[in-house]
Amino acid sequence: MNGELVTLERRIAARPETVFSFFTDRDRWLSWMGRDGEFSFRPDGPYRTNVTGDNHASGRFLEFDPPNRVVFTWGWETGDMPVPPGSSTVEITLRPDGDGTLLRLVHRDLPPVAREPHAQGWGHYLDRLTARAEGRDPGPDRWMNHGPA
């Protein structure tokens, strides 16, 4: 975490094109985060996803720059987190790193009380994304129907 931003990085043993596909394909997205969802993978395209079974996130995709960058708004429709749908912005950048990819996630516009929970949440889901992109099975999502443990 960095001041007003939530910033996380992961090195993933997969090419940027492979990692990028987990942000532009419904089934691939849901393989690392969420139970169900509807996604319109285009600029200004809406999405709504059931993240943990009890919590729904929604927003709009703002930018796609394959295979380098994805930007989307983010917020919660349910729960007590003070981040309404579309009120914050998530930027994913992918950079080649040897035979893999350096993924950097920056989440902006979060209220102070929401920063640490989102850092924990993104950390959890980026670990699951890393496993999927590397061809491994992250196992069942331990947060499903509960949220952070």
Protein backbone atom coordinates (compact mmCIF):
# COMPACT_ATOMS: atom_id res chain seq x y z
CA MET A 1 0.00 0.00 0.00
CA ASN A 2 1.18 3.50 -0.76
CA GLY A 3 -0.44 6.52 0.91
CA GLU A 4 -3.77 7.17 -0.77
CA LEU A 5 -3.32 4.32 -3.23
CA VAL A 6 -3.46 0.58 -2.89
CA THR A 7 -0.54 -0.71 -4.97
CA LEU A 8 0.38 -4.37 -5.37
CA GLU A 9 2.74 -6.22 -7.68
CA ARG A 10 3.14 -9.84 -8.68
CA ARG A 11 5.67 -11.54 -10.92
CA ILE A 12 3.84 -14.15 -12.97
CA ALA A 13 5.56 -16.93 -14.91
CA ALA A 14 3.42 -16.38 -18.01
CA ARG A 15 3.54 -14.05 -20.99
CA PRO A 16 1.66 -10.71 -20.79
CA GLU A 17 -0.79 -11.94 -23.46
CA THR A 18 -1.74 -14.88 -21.26
CA VAL A 19 -2.14 -12.74 -18.13
CA PHE A 20 -4.12 -10.11 -20.08
CA SER A 21 -6.62 -12.78 -21.17
CA PHE A 22 -7.71 -13.19 -17.53
CA PHE A 23 -9.06 -9.62 -17.69
CA THR A 24 -10.92 -9.98 -21.00
CA ASP A 25 -12.68 -13.36 -20.83
CA ARG A 26 -15.57 -14.08 -18.46
CA ASP A 27 -14.66 -17.68 -17.66
CA ARG A 28 -11.01 -16.84 -17.14
CA TRP A 29 -11.91 -13.88 -14.86
CA LEU A 30 -14.22 -16.06 -12.78
CA SER A 31 -11.53 -18.75 -12.50
CA TRP A 32 -9.57 -16.49 -10.13
CA MET A 33 -12.18 -14.07 -8.71
CA GLY A 34 -15.88 -14.47 -8.33
CA ARG A 35 -18.70 -16.93 -8.46
CA ASP A 36 -20.64 -15.41 -11.34
CA GLY A 37 -20.74 -12.24 -13.37
CA GLU A 38 -21.68 -10.33 -16.47
CA PHE A 39 -18.90 -8.49 -18.29
CA SER A 40 -18.86 -6.28 -21.37
CA PHE A 41 -15.13 -6.21 -22.15
CA ARG A 42 -14.92 -2.93 -24.09
CA PRO A 43 -14.34 0.72 -23.18
CA ASP A 44 -17.39 2.01 -21.26
CA GLY A 45 -18.64 -1.58 -20.98
CA PRO A 46 -20.35 -2.39 -17.69
CA TYR A 47 -19.63 -5.34 -15.47
CA ARG A 48 -21.23 -6.83 -12.37
CA THR A 49 -19.73 -9.74 -10.49
CA ASN A 50 -20.65 -11.79 -7.46
CA VAL A 51 -17.21 -11.81 -5.82
CA THR A 52 -17.69 -13.92 -2.67
CA GLY A 53 -21.24 -15.18 -2.88
CA ASP A 54 -22.39 -12.42 -0.52
CA ASN A 55 -20.73 -9.36 -2.08
CA HIS A 56 -21.36 -7.92 -5.54
CA ALA A 57 -18.97 -5.48 -7.23
CA SER A 58 -19.76 -3.42 -10.29
CA GLY A 59 -18.38 -0.68 -12.48
CA ARG A 60 -17.30 0.06 -16.01
CA PHE A 61 -14.27 -0.78 -18.07
CA LEU A 62 -12.50 2.43 -19.07
CA GLU A 63 -9.51 1.31 -21.13
CA PHE A 64 -8.03 -1.75 -22.83
CA ASP A 65 -4.51 -1.66 -24.25
CA PRO A 66 -3.73 -5.30 -25.08
CA PRO A 67 -1.63 -6.84 -23.62
CA ASN A 68 -0.32 -3.95 -21.51
CA ARG A 69 -3.10 -2.29 -19.54
CA VAL A 70 -6.68 -2.57 -18.31
CA VAL A 71 -8.48 0.18 -16.37
CA PHE A 72 -11.91 -0.14 -14.76
CA THR A 73 -14.02 1.51 -12.10
CA TRP A 74 -14.87 -0.48 -8.97
CA GLY A 75 -17.34 -0.44 -6.10
CA TRP A 76 -19.63 -2.58 -3.96
CA GLU A 77 -23.39 -2.93 -4.40
CA THR A 78 -23.74 -4.83 -1.13
CA GLY A 79 -22.01 -4.95 2.24
CA ASP A 80 -20.83 -2.20 4.54
CA MET A 81 -17.73 -1.08 2.62
CA PRO A 82 -18.12 2.67 1.81
CA VAL A 83 -17.14 2.27 -1.84
CA PRO A 84 -20.22 2.65 -4.07
CA PRO A 85 -20.20 1.11 -7.56
CA GLY A 86 -17.95 2.99 -9.94
CA SER A 87 -16.51 5.29 -7.25
CA SER A 88 -12.92 4.06 -7.41
CA THR A 89 -10.54 3.12 -10.22
CA VAL A 90 -8.36 0.04 -10.70
CA GLU A 91 -5.46 0.13 -13.14
CA ILE A 92 -3.69 -3.09 -14.11
CA THR A 93 -0.41 -2.79 -16.01
CA LEU A 94 1.50 -5.74 -17.42
CA ARG A 95 5.16 -5.52 -18.35
CA PRO A 96 7.33 -8.28 -19.84
CA ASP A 97 9.86 -9.47 -17.27
CA GLY A 98 12.27 -12.06 -18.66
CA ASP A 99 10.15 -15.09 -19.49
CA GLY A 100 7.24 -13.79 -17.41
CA THR A 101 5.20 -10.72 -16.57
CA LEU A 102 5.32 -8.06 -13.89
CA LEU A 103 1.73 -7.20 -12.96
CA ARG A 104 1.11 -3.95 -11.11
CA LEU A 105 -2.31 -3.10 -9.68
CA VAL A 106 -3.08 0.44 -8.53
CA HIS A 107 -6.46 1.08 -6.87
CA ARG A 108 -7.28 4.81 -6.57
CA ASP A 109 -9.99 6.90 -4.93
CA LEU A 110 -10.64 4.61 -1.97
CA PRO A 111 -11.67 6.17 1.34
CA PRO A 112 -9.07 5.63 4.10
CA VAL A 113 -11.18 3.00 5.90
CA ALA A 114 -11.38 0.91 2.71
CA ARG A 115 -7.69 0.87 1.76
CA GLU A 116 -6.41 -1.94 3.98
CA PRO A 117 -9.38 -4.27 3.29
CA HIS A 118 -8.93 -3.72 -0.45
CA ALA A 119 -5.17 -4.32 -0.20
CA GLN A 120 -5.92 -7.63 1.53
CA GLY A 121 -8.62 -8.51 -1.00
CA TRP A 122 -6.53 -7.70 -4.06
CA GLY A 123 -3.58 -9.58 -2.54
CA HIS A 124 -5.76 -12.65 -2.09
CA TYR A 125 -7.15 -12.50 -5.62
CA LEU A 126 -3.85 -11.64 -7.31
CA ASP A 127 -2.36 -14.75 -5.72
CA ARG A 128 -5.22 -16.75 -7.25
CA LEU A 129 -4.71 -15.02 -10.63
CA THR A 130 -0.99 -15.81 -10.51
CA ALA A 131 -1.72 -19.49 -9.96
CA ARG A 132 -4.26 -19.61 -12.81
CA ALA A 133 -2.07 -17.73 -15.29
CA GLU A 134 0.82 -20.08 -14.47
CA GLY A 135 -1.41 -23.09 -15.16
CA ARG A 136 -1.87 -24.08 -11.53
CA ASP A 137 -5.10 -24.64 -9.60
CA PRO A 138 -5.47 -22.17 -6.70
CA GLY A 139 -8.06 -24.47 -5.12
CA PRO A 140 -11.41 -23.34 -3.77
CA ASP A 141 -11.68 -19.68 -2.85
CA ARG A 142 -11.63 -19.69 0.97
CA TRP A 143 -13.42 -16.32 0.94
CA MET A 144 -16.44 -17.63 -0.99
CA ASN A 145 -19.58 -16.79 1.02
CA HIS A 146 -17.52 -15.16 3.77
CA GLY A 147 -15.18 -12.45 2.54
CA PRO A 148 -11.81 -11.96 4.25
CA ALA A 149 -11.15 -14.49 7.00
